[in-house]
C-alpha atoms as a PDB file:
ATOM      1  CA  MET A   1      65.462 178.176  87.233  1.00  0.00           C
ATOM      2  CA  SER A   2      68.392 178.725  84.917  1.00  0.00           C
ATOM      3  CA  GLU A   3      70.890 175.951  84.421  1.00  0.00           C
ATOM      4  CA  MET A   4      74.291 176.441  85.980  1.00  0.00           C
ATOM      5  CA  GLN A   5      77.021 177.016  83.439  1.00  0.00           C
ATOM      6  CA  PRO A   6      80.015 174.661  83.709  1.00  0.00           C
ATOM      7  CA  GLU A   7      83.191 176.280  84.936  1.00  0.00           C
ATOM      8  CA  PRO A   8      85.876 176.739  82.298  1.00  0.00           C
ATOM      9  CA  PRO A   9      88.763 174.263  82.537  1.00  0.00           C
ATOM     10  CA  ALA A  10      91.651 175.372  84.713  1.00  0.00           C
ATOM     11  CA  LEU A  11      94.594 176.830  82.851  1.00  0.00           C
ATOM     12  CA  PRO A  12      97.697 174.619  82.907  1.00  0.00           C
ATOM     13  CA  ALA A  13     100.464 175.481  85.341  1.00  0.00           C
ATOM     14  CA  LEU A  14     103.863 176.582  84.054  1.00  0.00           C
ATOM     15  CA  ASP A  15     107.323 176.021  85.522  1.00  0.00           C
ATOM     16  CA  VAL A  16     109.937 178.593  84.460  1.00  0.00           C
ATOM     17  CA  VAL A  17     113.623 177.766  84.905  1.00  0.00           C
ATOM     18  CA  ILE A  18     116.085 180.633  85.320  1.00  0.00           C
ATOM     19  CA  ALA A  19     119.692 179.451  85.650  1.00  0.00           C
ATOM     20  CA  THR A  20     121.964 182.144  87.063  1.00  0.00           C
ATOM     21  CA  ARG A  21     125.479 182.876  88.196  1.00  0.00           C
ATOM     22  CA  ASN A  22     126.631 186.129  89.772  1.00  0.00           C
ATOM     23  CA  ARG A  23     124.295 188.523  87.936  1.00  0.00           C
ATOM     24  CA  PRO A  24     121.923 189.648  90.712  1.00  0.00           C
ATOM     25  CA  GLU A  25     120.618 192.863  89.133  1.00  0.00           C
ATOM     26  CA  LEU A  26     119.876 191.291  85.767  1.00  0.00           C
ATOM     27  CA  LEU A  27     118.371 188.272  87.506  1.00  0.00           C
ATOM     28  CA  ARG A  28     115.902 190.416  89.447  1.00  0.00           C
ATOM     29  CA  GLU A  29     114.780 192.115  86.230  1.00  0.00           C
ATOM     30  CA  ALA A  30     114.259 188.748  84.521  1.00  0.00           C
ATOM     31  CA  LEU A  31     112.383 187.390  87.542  1.00  0.00           C
ATOM     32  CA  THR A  32     110.132 190.440  87.827  1.00  0.00           C
ATOM     33  CA  ALA A  33     109.150 190.124  84.162  1.00  0.00           C
ATOM     34  CA  VAL A  34     108.188 186.454  84.540  1.00  0.00           C
ATOM     35  CA  LEU A  35     106.158 187.130  87.672  1.00  0.00           C
ATOM     36  CA  GLY A  36     104.400 190.009  85.897  1.00  0.00           C
ATOM     37  CA  GLN A  37     103.045 187.900  83.045  1.00  0.00           C
ATOM     38  CA  SER A  38      99.442 188.472  81.968  1.00  0.00           C
ATOM     39  CA  TYR A  39      98.860 184.691  81.989  1.00  0.00           C
ATOM     40  CA  PRO A  40      96.332 184.031  84.787  1.00  0.00           C
ATOM     41  CA  GLY A  41      97.406 180.429  85.425  1.00  0.00           C
ATOM     42  CA  GLN A  42      99.914 179.272  88.025  1.00  0.00           C
ATOM     43  CA  ILE A  43     103.550 180.173  87.304  1.00  0.00           C
ATOM     44  CA  THR A  44     106.334 178.786  89.479  1.00  0.00           C
ATOM     45  CA  VAL A  45     109.813 180.186  88.862  1.00  0.00           C
ATOM     46  CA  HIS A  46     112.733 177.914  89.725  1.00  0.00           C
ATOM     47  CA  VAL A  47     115.831 180.092  90.133  1.00  0.00           C
ATOM     48  CA  VAL A  48     118.862 177.802  89.968  1.00  0.00           C
ATOM     49  CA  PHE A  49     122.152 179.151  91.287  1.00  0.00           C
ATOM     50  CA  ASP A  50     125.096 177.616  89.454  1.00  0.00           C
ATOM     51  CA  GLN A  51     128.422 177.696  91.318  1.00  0.00           C
ATOM     52  CA  SER A  52     127.254 180.681  93.357  1.00  0.00           C
ATOM     53  CA  PRO A  53     125.467 181.235  96.706  1.00  0.00           C
ATOM     54  CA  ILE A  54     121.695 180.823  96.777  1.00  0.00           C
ATOM     55  CA  ASP A  55     119.796 184.063  97.367  1.00  0.00           C
ATOM     56  CA  GLU A  56     116.842 182.745  99.338  1.00  0.00           C
ATOM     57  CA  SER A  57     115.386 186.248  99.658  1.00  0.00           C
ATOM     58  CA  LEU A  58     114.180 186.024  96.056  1.00  0.00           C
ATOM     59  CA  ALA A  59     111.339 183.746  97.184  1.00  0.00           C
ATOM     60  CA  ALA A  60     109.660 186.841  98.621  1.00  0.00           C
ATOM     61  CA  ALA A  61     109.403 188.382  95.125  1.00  0.00           C
ATOM     62  CA  ALA A  62     106.102 186.549  94.642  1.00  0.00           C
ATOM     63  CA  ASP A  63     104.569 187.705  97.935  1.00  0.00           C
ATOM     64  CA  GLY A  64     101.132 189.179  97.379  1.00  0.00           C
ATOM     65  CA  LEU A  65     100.893 187.918  93.799  1.00  0.00           C
ATOM     66  CA  THR A  66      98.109 185.564  92.740  1.00  0.00           C
ATOM     67  CA  ASN A  67      99.184 182.256  91.197  1.00  0.00           C
ATOM     68  CA  ARG A  68     102.879 183.093  91.440  1.00  0.00           C
ATOM     69  CA  ARG A  69     105.661 181.346  93.366  1.00  0.00           C
ATOM     70  CA  VAL A  70     109.469 181.521  93.413  1.00  0.00           C
ATOM     71  CA  VAL A  71     111.668 178.583  94.420  1.00  0.00           C
ATOM     72  CA  THR A  72     115.421 179.046  94.896  1.00  0.00           C
ATOM     73  CA  LEU A  73     117.819 176.123  94.660  1.00  0.00           C
ATOM     74  CA  GLY A  74     121.375 175.189  93.786  1.00  0.00           C
ATOM     75  CA  ASN A  75     122.603 173.255  90.789  1.00  0.00           C
ATOM     76  CA  ASP A  76     123.010 169.696  92.097  1.00  0.00           C
ATOM     77  CA  ARG A  77     124.071 168.274  88.736  1.00  0.00           C
ATOM     78  CA  THR A  78     127.009 168.970  86.398  1.00  0.00           C
ATOM     79  CA  PRO A  79     128.384 172.491  87.011  1.00  0.00           C
ATOM     80  CA  GLY A  80     127.415 174.804  84.176  1.00  0.00           C
ATOM     81  CA  LEU A  81     124.344 175.986  82.319  1.00  0.00           C
ATOM     82  CA  ALA A  82     123.151 172.566  81.151  1.00  0.00           C
ATOM     83  CA  GLY A  83     123.232 171.053  84.633  1.00  0.00           C
ATOM     84  CA  ALA A  84     121.571 174.134  86.097  1.00  0.00           C
ATOM     85  CA  ARG A  85     118.721 174.007  83.582  1.00  0.00           C
ATOM     86  CA  ASN A  86     118.199 170.313  84.306  1.00  0.00           C
ATOM     87  CA  SER A  87     118.185 170.929  88.073  1.00  0.00           C
ATOM     88  CA  GLY A  88     115.355 173.414  87.565  1.00  0.00           C
ATOM     89  CA  ILE A  89     113.427 171.155  85.223  1.00  0.00           C
ATOM     90  CA  LEU A  90     113.522 168.220  87.641  1.00  0.00           C
ATOM     91  CA  ALA A  91     112.584 170.386  90.633  1.00  0.00           C
ATOM     92  CA  GLY A  92     109.195 171.178  89.094  1.00  0.00           C
ATOM     93  CA  SER A  93     106.062 169.231  88.240  1.00  0.00           C
ATOM     94  CA  ALA A  94     103.931 171.562  86.080  1.00  0.00           C
ATOM     95  CA  PRO A  95     102.737 170.173  82.718  1.00  0.00           C
ATOM     96  CA  TRP A  96     104.594 172.940  80.850  1.00  0.00           C
ATOM     97  CA  VAL A  97     108.211 174.052  81.232  1.00  0.00           C
ATOM     98  CA  ALA A  98     109.817 177.289  80.044  1.00  0.00           C
ATOM     99  CA  PHE A  99     113.293 178.785  80.188  1.00  0.00           C
ATOM    100  CA  CYS A 100     114.534 182.314  80.670  1.00  0.00           C
ATOM    101  CA  ASP A 101     118.186 183.340  80.660  1.00  0.00           C
ATOM    102  CA  ASP A 102     119.043 185.532  83.624  1.00  0.00           C
ATOM    103  CA  ASP A 103     119.882 188.502  81.366  1.00  0.00           C
ATOM    104  CA  ASP A 104     116.722 188.327  79.240  1.00  0.00           C
ATOM    105  CA  VAL A 105     113.291 189.867  79.822  1.00  0.00           C
ATOM    106  CA  TRP A 106     109.922 188.355  78.911  1.00  0.00           C
ATOM    107  CA  LEU A 107     107.373 190.803  77.540  1.00  0.00           C
ATOM    108  CA  PRO A 108     104.073 190.756  79.484  1.00  0.00           C
ATOM    109  CA  GLN A 109     101.958 188.579  77.146  1.00  0.00           C
ATOM    110  CA  LYS A 110     104.585 185.959  76.328  1.00  0.00           C
ATOM    111  CA  ALA A 111     103.278 183.070  78.425  1.00  0.00           C
ATOM    112  CA  GLU A 112      99.623 183.813  77.648  1.00  0.00           C
ATOM    113  CA  ARG A 113     100.137 183.930  73.889  1.00  0.00           C
ATOM    114  CA  GLN A 114     102.378 180.899  73.737  1.00  0.00           C
ATOM    115  CA  ILE A 115     100.255 178.627  75.921  1.00  0.00           C
ATOM    116  CA  ALA A 116      97.202 179.606  73.889  1.00  0.00           C
ATOM    117  CA  GLU A 117      99.097 178.518  70.750  1.00  0.00           C
ATOM    118  CA  LEU A 118     100.124 175.241  72.358  1.00  0.00           C
ATOM    119  CA  LEU A 119      96.557 174.465  73.431  1.00  0.00           C
ATOM    120  CA  ARG A 120      95.215 175.428  70.001  1.00  0.00           C
ATOM    121  CA  SER A 121      97.732 173.373  68.037  1.00  0.00           C
ATOM    122  CA  GLY A 122      98.296 170.394  70.321  1.00  0.00           C
ATOM    123  CA  ALA A 123     102.042 170.738  69.722  1.00  0.00           C
ATOM    124  CA  ASP A 124     104.671 169.925  72.346  1.00  0.00           C
ATOM    125  CA  THR A 125     106.981 172.925  71.796  1.00  0.00           C
ATOM    126  CA  VAL A 126     106.468 176.601  70.994  1.00  0.00           C
ATOM    127  CA  VAL A 127     108.888 179.481  70.415  1.00  0.00           C
ATOM    128  CA  SER A 128     108.448 183.175  69.630  1.00  0.00           C
ATOM    129  CA  GLY A 129     110.382 186.045  68.124  1.00  0.00           C
ATOM    130  CA  ILE A 130     112.860 188.196  70.020  1.00  0.00           C
ATOM    131  CA  VAL A 131     113.992 191.800  70.352  1.00  0.00           C
ATOM    132  CA  VAL A 132     117.784 191.837  70.161  1.00  0.00           C
ATOM    133  CA  GLU A 133     119.379 194.543  72.313  1.00  0.00           C
ATOM    134  CA  TYR A 134     123.019 195.445  71.746  1.00  0.00           C
ATOM    135  CA  ASP A 135     124.900 198.604  72.666  1.00  0.00           C
ATOM    136  CA  GLY A 136     121.761 200.739  72.775  1.00  0.00           C
ATOM    137  CA  GLU A 137     120.301 199.385  69.532  1.00  0.00           C
ATOM    138  CA  ARG A 138     117.240 197.155  69.145  1.00  0.00           C
ATOM    139  CA  THR A 139     116.464 194.738  66.321  1.00  0.00           C
ATOM    140  CA  GLU A 140     113.251 192.713  66.088  1.00  0.00           C
ATOM    141  CA  ARG A 141     113.677 189.182  64.780  1.00  0.00           C
ATOM    142  CA  VAL A 142     110.657 186.930  64.260  1.00  0.00           C
ATOM    143  CA  PRO A 143     111.090 183.589  62.467  1.00  0.00           C
ATOM    144  CA  ALA A 144     108.711 182.234  59.874  1.00  0.00           C
ATOM    145  CA  ALA A 145     106.916 179.002  60.714  1.00  0.00           C
ATOM    146  CA  THR A 146     108.940 177.264  57.999  1.00  0.00           C
ATOM    147  CA  ASP A 147     112.167 178.266  59.766  1.00  0.00           C
ATOM    148  CA  LEU A 148     111.306 175.860  62.579  1.00  0.00           C
ATOM    149  CA  ALA A 149     111.415 172.679  60.506  1.00  0.00           C
ATOM    150  CA  LEU A 150     114.387 170.434  61.250  1.00  0.00           C
ATOM    151  CA  ALA A 151     116.143 171.048  57.921  1.00  0.00           C
ATOM    152  CA  ALA A 152     115.898 174.818  58.304  1.00  0.00           C
ATOM    153  CA  LEU A 153     117.099 174.782  61.913  1.00  0.00           C
ATOM    154  CA  VAL A 154     120.096 172.652  61.023  1.00  0.00           C
ATOM    155  CA  ARG A 155     121.036 174.751  58.018  1.00  0.00           C
ATOM    156  CA  ASN A 156     120.443 178.244  59.379  1.00  0.00           C
ATOM    157  CA  ARG A 157     120.664 177.903  63.189  1.00  0.00           C
ATOM    158  CA  VAL A 158     117.647 180.297  63.455  1.00  0.00           C
ATOM    159  CA  MET A 159     118.819 182.394  66.389  1.00  0.00           C
ATOM    160  CA  GLU A 160     115.241 183.643  66.839  1.00  0.00           C
ATOM    161  CA  ALA A 161     114.404 180.208  68.277  1.00  0.00           C
ATOM    162  CA  HIS A 162     116.161 181.361  71.438  1.00  0.00           C
ATOM    163  CA  PRO A 163     115.973 179.289  74.642  1.00  0.00           C
ATOM    164  CA  SER A 164     114.276 182.170  76.475  1.00  0.00           C
ATOM    165  CA  THR A 165     111.356 181.839  74.034  1.00  0.00           C
ATOM    166  CA  VAL A 166     110.806 178.093  74.526  1.00  0.00           C
ATOM    167  CA  ILE A 167     107.829 176.512  76.279  1.00  0.00           C
ATOM    168  CA  VAL A 168     107.657 172.709  76.121  1.00  0.00           C
ATOM    169  CA  ARG A 169     105.331 169.987  77.367  1.00  0.00           C
ATOM    170  CA  ARG A 170     106.979 168.303  80.367  1.00  0.00           C
ATOM    171  CA  SER A 171     106.076 164.777  79.275  1.00  0.00           C
ATOM    172  CA  ALA A 172     107.679 165.343  75.862  1.00  0.00           C
ATOM    173  CA  LEU A 173     110.730 166.944  77.443  1.00  0.00           C
ATOM    174  CA  LEU A 174     111.360 164.019  79.781  1.00  0.00           C
ATOM    175  CA  ASP A 175     110.338 161.090  77.585  1.00  0.00           C
ATOM    176  CA  GLY A 176     110.913 162.169  73.983  1.00  0.00           C
ATOM    177  CA  ILE A 177     113.187 165.151  73.548  1.00  0.00           C
ATOM    178  CA  GLY A 178     115.358 164.596  76.594  1.00  0.00           C
ATOM    179  CA  LEU A 179     117.001 166.878  79.115  1.00  0.00           C
ATOM    180  CA  VAL A 180     119.717 169.377  78.258  1.00  0.00           C
ATOM    181  CA  ASP A 181     122.940 167.586  77.279  1.00  0.00           C
ATOM    182  CA  GLU A 182     125.413 167.999  80.140  1.00  0.00           C
ATOM    183  CA  GLU A 183     128.264 166.435  78.136  1.00  0.00           C
ATOM    184  CA  ILE A 184     128.599 169.381  75.733  1.00  0.00           C
ATOM    185  CA  PRO A 185     131.927 171.137  76.450  1.00  0.00           C
ATOM    186  CA  GLY A 186     131.252 174.227  78.533  1.00  0.00           C
ATOM    187  CA  SER A 187     127.491 173.859  77.809  1.00  0.00           C
ATOM    188  CA  TYR A 188     128.199 175.883  74.643  1.00  0.00           C
ATOM    189  CA  GLY A 189     125.339 175.530  72.152  1.00  0.00           C
ATOM    190  CA  GLU A 190     123.261 173.408  74.517  1.00  0.00           C
ATOM    191  CA  ASP A 191     120.192 175.308  73.324  1.00  0.00           C
ATOM    192  CA  PHE A 192     120.915 174.495  69.661  1.00  0.00           C
ATOM    193  CA  ASP A 193     121.479 170.839  70.490  1.00  0.00           C
ATOM    194  CA  TRP A 194     118.181 170.771  72.379  1.00  0.00           C
ATOM    195  CA  ILE A 195     116.115 172.546  69.715  1.00  0.00           C
ATOM    196  CA  ILE A 196     117.375 170.096  67.073  1.00  0.00           C
ATOM    197  CA  ARG A 197     116.159 167.220  69.230  1.00  0.00           C
ATOM    198  CA  ALA A 198     112.855 169.009  69.790  1.00  0.00           C
ATOM    199  CA  ALA A 199     112.366 169.371  66.018  1.00  0.00           C
ATOM    200  CA  GLN A 200     113.188 165.685  65.548  1.00  0.00           C
ATOM    201  CA  HIS A 201     110.564 164.824  68.156  1.00  0.00           C
ATOM    202  CA  GLY A 202     107.728 166.774  66.524  1.00  0.00           C
ATOM    203  CA  PRO A 203     106.608 170.077  65.020  1.00  0.00           C
ATOM    204  CA  ILE A 204     107.612 173.297  66.760  1.00  0.00           C
ATOM    205  CA  VAL A 205     104.910 175.971  66.570  1.00  0.00           C
ATOM    206  CA  LEU A 206     105.322 179.723  66.628  1.00  0.00           C
ATOM    207  CA  ALA A 207     103.797 182.652  68.483  1.00  0.00           C
ATOM    208  CA  ALA A 208     104.643 185.090  65.717  1.00  0.00           C
ATOM    209  CA  ALA A 209     105.691 188.162  67.681  1.00  0.00           C
ATOM    210  CA  PRO A 210     108.835 189.423  69.421  1.00  0.00           C
ATOM    211  CA  LEU A 211     108.004 188.414  72.993  1.00  0.00           C
ATOM    212  CA  VAL A 212     111.441 188.371  74.667  1.00  0.00           C
ATOM    213  CA  ARG A 213     114.086 191.061  75.014  1.00  0.00           C
ATOM    214  CA  VAL A 214     117.446 189.366  74.490  1.00  0.00           C
ATOM    215  CA  ARG A 215     120.669 191.127  75.451  1.00  0.00           C
ATOM    216  CA  TRP A 216     123.201 190.235  72.785  1.00  0.00           C
ATOM    217  CA  GLY A 217     126.925 189.887  73.400  1.00  0.00           C
ATOM    218  CA  GLY A 218     126.727 189.406  77.153  1.00  0.00           C
ATOM    219  CA  SER A 219     126.994 185.634  76.981  1.00  0.00           C
ATOM    220  CA  GLN A 220     129.908 184.007  78.747  1.00  0.00           C
ATOM    221  CA  PHE A 221     130.442 182.080  75.505  1.00  0.00           C
ATOM    222  CA  SER A 222     130.629 184.932  73.016  1.00  0.00           C
ATOM    223  CA  GLN A 223     134.437 184.976  72.925  1.00  0.00           C
ATOM    224  CA  ASN A 224     135.341 181.730  74.690  1.00  0.00           C
ATOM    225  CA  TRP A 225     136.886 180.461  71.497  1.00  0.00           C
ATOM    226  CA  ASP A 226     138.497 177.273  72.819  1.00  0.00           C
ATOM    227  CA  VAL A 227     135.216 176.053  74.301  1.00  0.00           C
ATOM    228  CA  ILE A 228     133.462 176.918  71.036  1.00  0.00           C
ATOM    229  CA  VAL A 229     135.886 174.764  69.025  1.00  0.00           C
ATOM    230  CA  ARG A 230     135.485 171.773  71.343  1.00  0.00           C
ATOM    231  CA  ALA A 231     131.699 172.087  71.473  1.00  0.00           C
ATOM    232  CA  ILE A 232     131.383 172.262  67.675  1.00  0.00           C
ATOM    233  CA  ASP A 233     133.561 169.154  67.341  1.00  0.00           C
ATOM    234  CA  TYR A 234     131.287 167.391  69.843  1.00  0.00           C
ATOM    235  CA  GLY A 235     128.136 168.416  67.959  1.00  0.00           C
ATOM    236  CA  LEU A 236     129.500 167.288  64.595  1.00  0.00           C
ATOM    237  CA  VAL A 237     130.072 163.820  66.004  1.00  0.00           C
ATOM    238  CA  LYS A 238     126.730 163.666  67.845  1.00  0.00           C
ATOM    239  CA  HIS A 239     124.407 164.946  65.099  1.00  0.00           C
ATOM    240  CA  GLN A 240     124.827 163.153  61.793  1.00  0.00           C
ATOM    241  CA  VAL A 241     122.105 165.394  60.377  1.00  0.00           C
ATOM    242  CA  PHE A 242     124.774 168.106  59.894  1.00  0.00           C
ATOM    243  CA  HIS A 243     126.611 165.836  57.469  1.00  0.00           C
ATOM    244  CA  THR A 244     123.593 165.451  55.182  1.00  0.00           C
ATOM    245  CA  ASP A 245     123.513 169.161  54.263  1.00  0.00           C
ATOM    246  CA  ARG A 246     126.681 170.787  52.916  1.00  0.00           C
ATOM    247  CA  ARG A 247     125.544 174.285  53.842  1.00  0.00           C
ATOM    248  CA  ALA A 248     124.755 173.222  57.401  1.00  0.00           C
ATOM    249  CA  LEU A 249     128.130 171.520  57.673  1.00  0.00           C
ATOM    250  CA  ALA A 250     129.923 174.553  56.237  1.00  0.00           C
ATOM    251  CA  ARG A 251     128.219 176.900  58.688  1.00  0.00           C
ATOM    252  CA  LEU A 252     129.620 174.942  61.610  1.00  0.00           C
ATOM    253  CA  GLN A 253     132.994 174.516  59.944  1.00  0.00           C
ATOM    254  CA  GLY A 254     133.061 178.274  59.376  1.00  0.00           C
ATOM    255  CA  ARG A 255     132.296 179.055  63.000  1.00  0.00           C
ATOM    256  CA  ARG A 256     135.000 176.614  64.049  1.00  0.00           C
ATOM    257  CA  ALA A 257     137.496 178.196  61.644  1.00  0.00           C
ATOM    258  CA  PHE A 258     136.617 181.655  62.945  1.00  0.00           C
ATOM    259  CA  ALA A 259     137.209 180.536  66.534  1.00  0.00           C
ATOM    260  CA  LEU A 260     140.554 178.993  65.574  1.00  0.00           C
ATOM    261  CA  ALA A 261     141.531 182.232  63.839  1.00  0.00           C
ATOM    262  CA  ALA A 262     140.550 184.254  66.921  1.00  0.00           C
ATOM    263  CA  LEU A 263     142.805 181.938  68.940  1.00  0.00           C
ATOM    264  CA  ARG A 264     145.576 182.425  66.325  1.00  0.00           C
ATOM    265  CA  ARG A 265     145.901 178.671  65.988  1.00  0.00           C
ATOM    266  CA  PRO A 266     148.152 177.460  63.145  1.00  0.00           C
ATOM    267  CA  GLY A 267     145.351 175.453  61.483  1.00  0.00           C
ATOM    268  CA  ALA A 268     142.917 178.355  61.210  1.00  0.00           C
ATOM    269  CA  LEU A 269     143.588 179.235  57.561  1.00  0.00           C
ATOM    270  CA  ARG A 270     143.416 175.582  56.564  1.00  0.00           C
ATOM    271  CA  ALA A 271     140.062 175.270  58.375  1.00  0.00           C
ATOM    272  CA  ALA A 272     138.784 178.347  56.518  1.00  0.00           C
ATOM    273  CA  CYS A 273     139.809 176.787  53.194  1.00  0.00           C
ATOM    274  CA  GLN A 274     138.055 173.543  54.133  1.00  0.00           C
ATOM    275  CA  THR A 275     134.890 175.514  54.826  1.00  0.00           C
ATOM    276  CA  ALA A 276     135.068 177.182  51.403  1.00  0.00           C
ATOM    277  CA  ARG A 277     135.499 173.803  49.733  1.00  0.00           C
ATOM    278  CA  THR A 278     132.431 172.450  51.523  1.00  0.00           C
ATOM    279  CA  ALA A 279     130.275 175.435  50.497  1.00  0.00           C
ATOM    280  CA  PRO A 280     131.908 178.339  48.607  1.00  0.00           C
ATOM    281  CA  SER A 281     128.998 180.624  49.548  1.00  0.00           C
ATOM    282  CA  GLU A 282     129.657 180.307  53.292  1.00  0.00           C
ATOM    283  CA  ARG A 283     130.778 183.792  54.332  1.00  0.00           C
ATOM    284  CA  ARG A 284     132.337 182.635  57.591  1.00  0.00           C
ATOM    285  CA  ALA A 285     135.098 180.987  55.559  1.00  0.00           C
ATOM    286  CA  TYR A 286     136.260 184.363  54.285  1.00  0.00           C
ATOM    287  CA  LEU A 287     135.764 186.114  57.623  1.00  0.00           C
ATOM    288  CA  ALA A 288     137.863 183.417  59.286  1.00  0.00           C
ATOM    289  CA  ALA A 289     140.549 183.783  56.617  1.00  0.00           C
ATOM    290  CA  ALA A 290     140.632 187.560  57.134  1.00  0.00           C
ATOM    291  CA  VAL A 291     141.121 187.083  60.867  1.00  0.00           C
ATOM    292  CA  ALA A 292     143.725 184.363  60.339  1.00  0.00           C
ATOM    293  CA  LEU A 293     145.661 186.682  58.023  1.00  0.00           C
ATOM    294  CA  ARG A 294     145.295 189.478  60.623  1.00  0.00           C
ATOM    295  CA  LEU A 295     143.496 191.775  58.232  1.00  0.00           C
ATOM    296  CA  VAL A 296     140.812 192.434  60.865  1.00  0.00           C
ATOM    297  CA  SER A 297     140.253 191.366  64.458  1.00  0.00           C
ATOM    298  CA  ALA A 298     137.688 188.768  65.490  1.00  0.00           C
ATOM    299  CA  GLU A 299     136.333 191.211  68.065  1.00  0.00           C
ATOM    300  CA  ARG A 300     135.670 193.850  65.400  1.00  0.00           C
ATOM    301  CA  LEU A 301     133.740 191.438  63.189  1.00  0.00           C
ATOM    302  CA  LEU A 302     131.796 190.115  66.164  1.00  0.00           C
ATOM    303  CA  ASP A 303     130.829 193.654  67.171  1.00  0.00           C
ATOM    304  CA  LEU A 304     129.580 194.426  63.642  1.00  0.00           C
ATOM    305  CA  ALA A 305     127.508 191.227  63.608  1.00  0.00           C
ATOM    306  CA  HIS A 306     125.971 191.977  67.021  1.00  0.00           C
ATOM    307  CA  ARG A 307     124.946 195.459  65.868  1.00  0.00           C
ATOM    308  CA  ARG A 308     122.818 193.797  63.180  1.00  0.00           C
ATOM    309  CA  GLY A 309     121.255 191.384  65.677  1.00  0.00           C
ATOM    310  CA  HIS A 310     123.351 188.468  64.464  1.00  0.00           C
ATOM    311  CA  GLY A 311     126.234 186.309  65.608  1.00  0.00           C
ATOM    312  CA  ILE A 312     129.070 184.597  63.768  1.00  0.00           C
END
């Protein structure tokens, strides 16, 4: 009589948090893509409605699907993206947690490839590359593994390490990295703040493929210049690591100067000059000066950057 083979270990369950506000069509596309993942383990999607009515009908999107569930809830924490993400995190219990913006789309093998990398490496956090979509154009951006070290993230921002690509171990999220910071003005840059803390906690590994379609330029923050200025000021006080690298500091100073110029604030040109003094090679200093001098509009420069799959 042949010996019975042991059953393979069960695949870990995954909670996916989608924070949303008044974008029902995009939300349904994002939700459908998460539910359609090739990953055979349990996936529970927590759709968190921030300052908008809860669409309880979305729970039926998982009907008839194996190992799939949708939970709808409201943001019961600080209004805004950070509070909404945290509401979704705390509503779940799966050992792994992922995020998806309501205007992004996961490609079918995202969860499967990333969880395999997490199990192989033993790491707490994984990201992937992205496909940037803007005005009918697509640009693939995949980081190198070295881009995910703390020093590289601080210096270069590494937009490829997008929140919609993140999967993180729940225990590390709650006890080491910490929840999303709800004190950041307007929740602007909450993802950058979080990824810095994740890199300080331990190595971030990479599934080296573009596994998320990211719609560029549709963010509520893209031209909310006053919020951007206040959030950068907050981050510069919170993270002393920015002050240990002149290029990292200049990048943030340059973004701040650009936002001030877009607002036509009197100190914009002075802020651009300060950026150039910190790091003469920082291009945002000269872009900010051009906007401050009204040689070109901030919107025009932002559009050109988006077409290349970048921001300012």
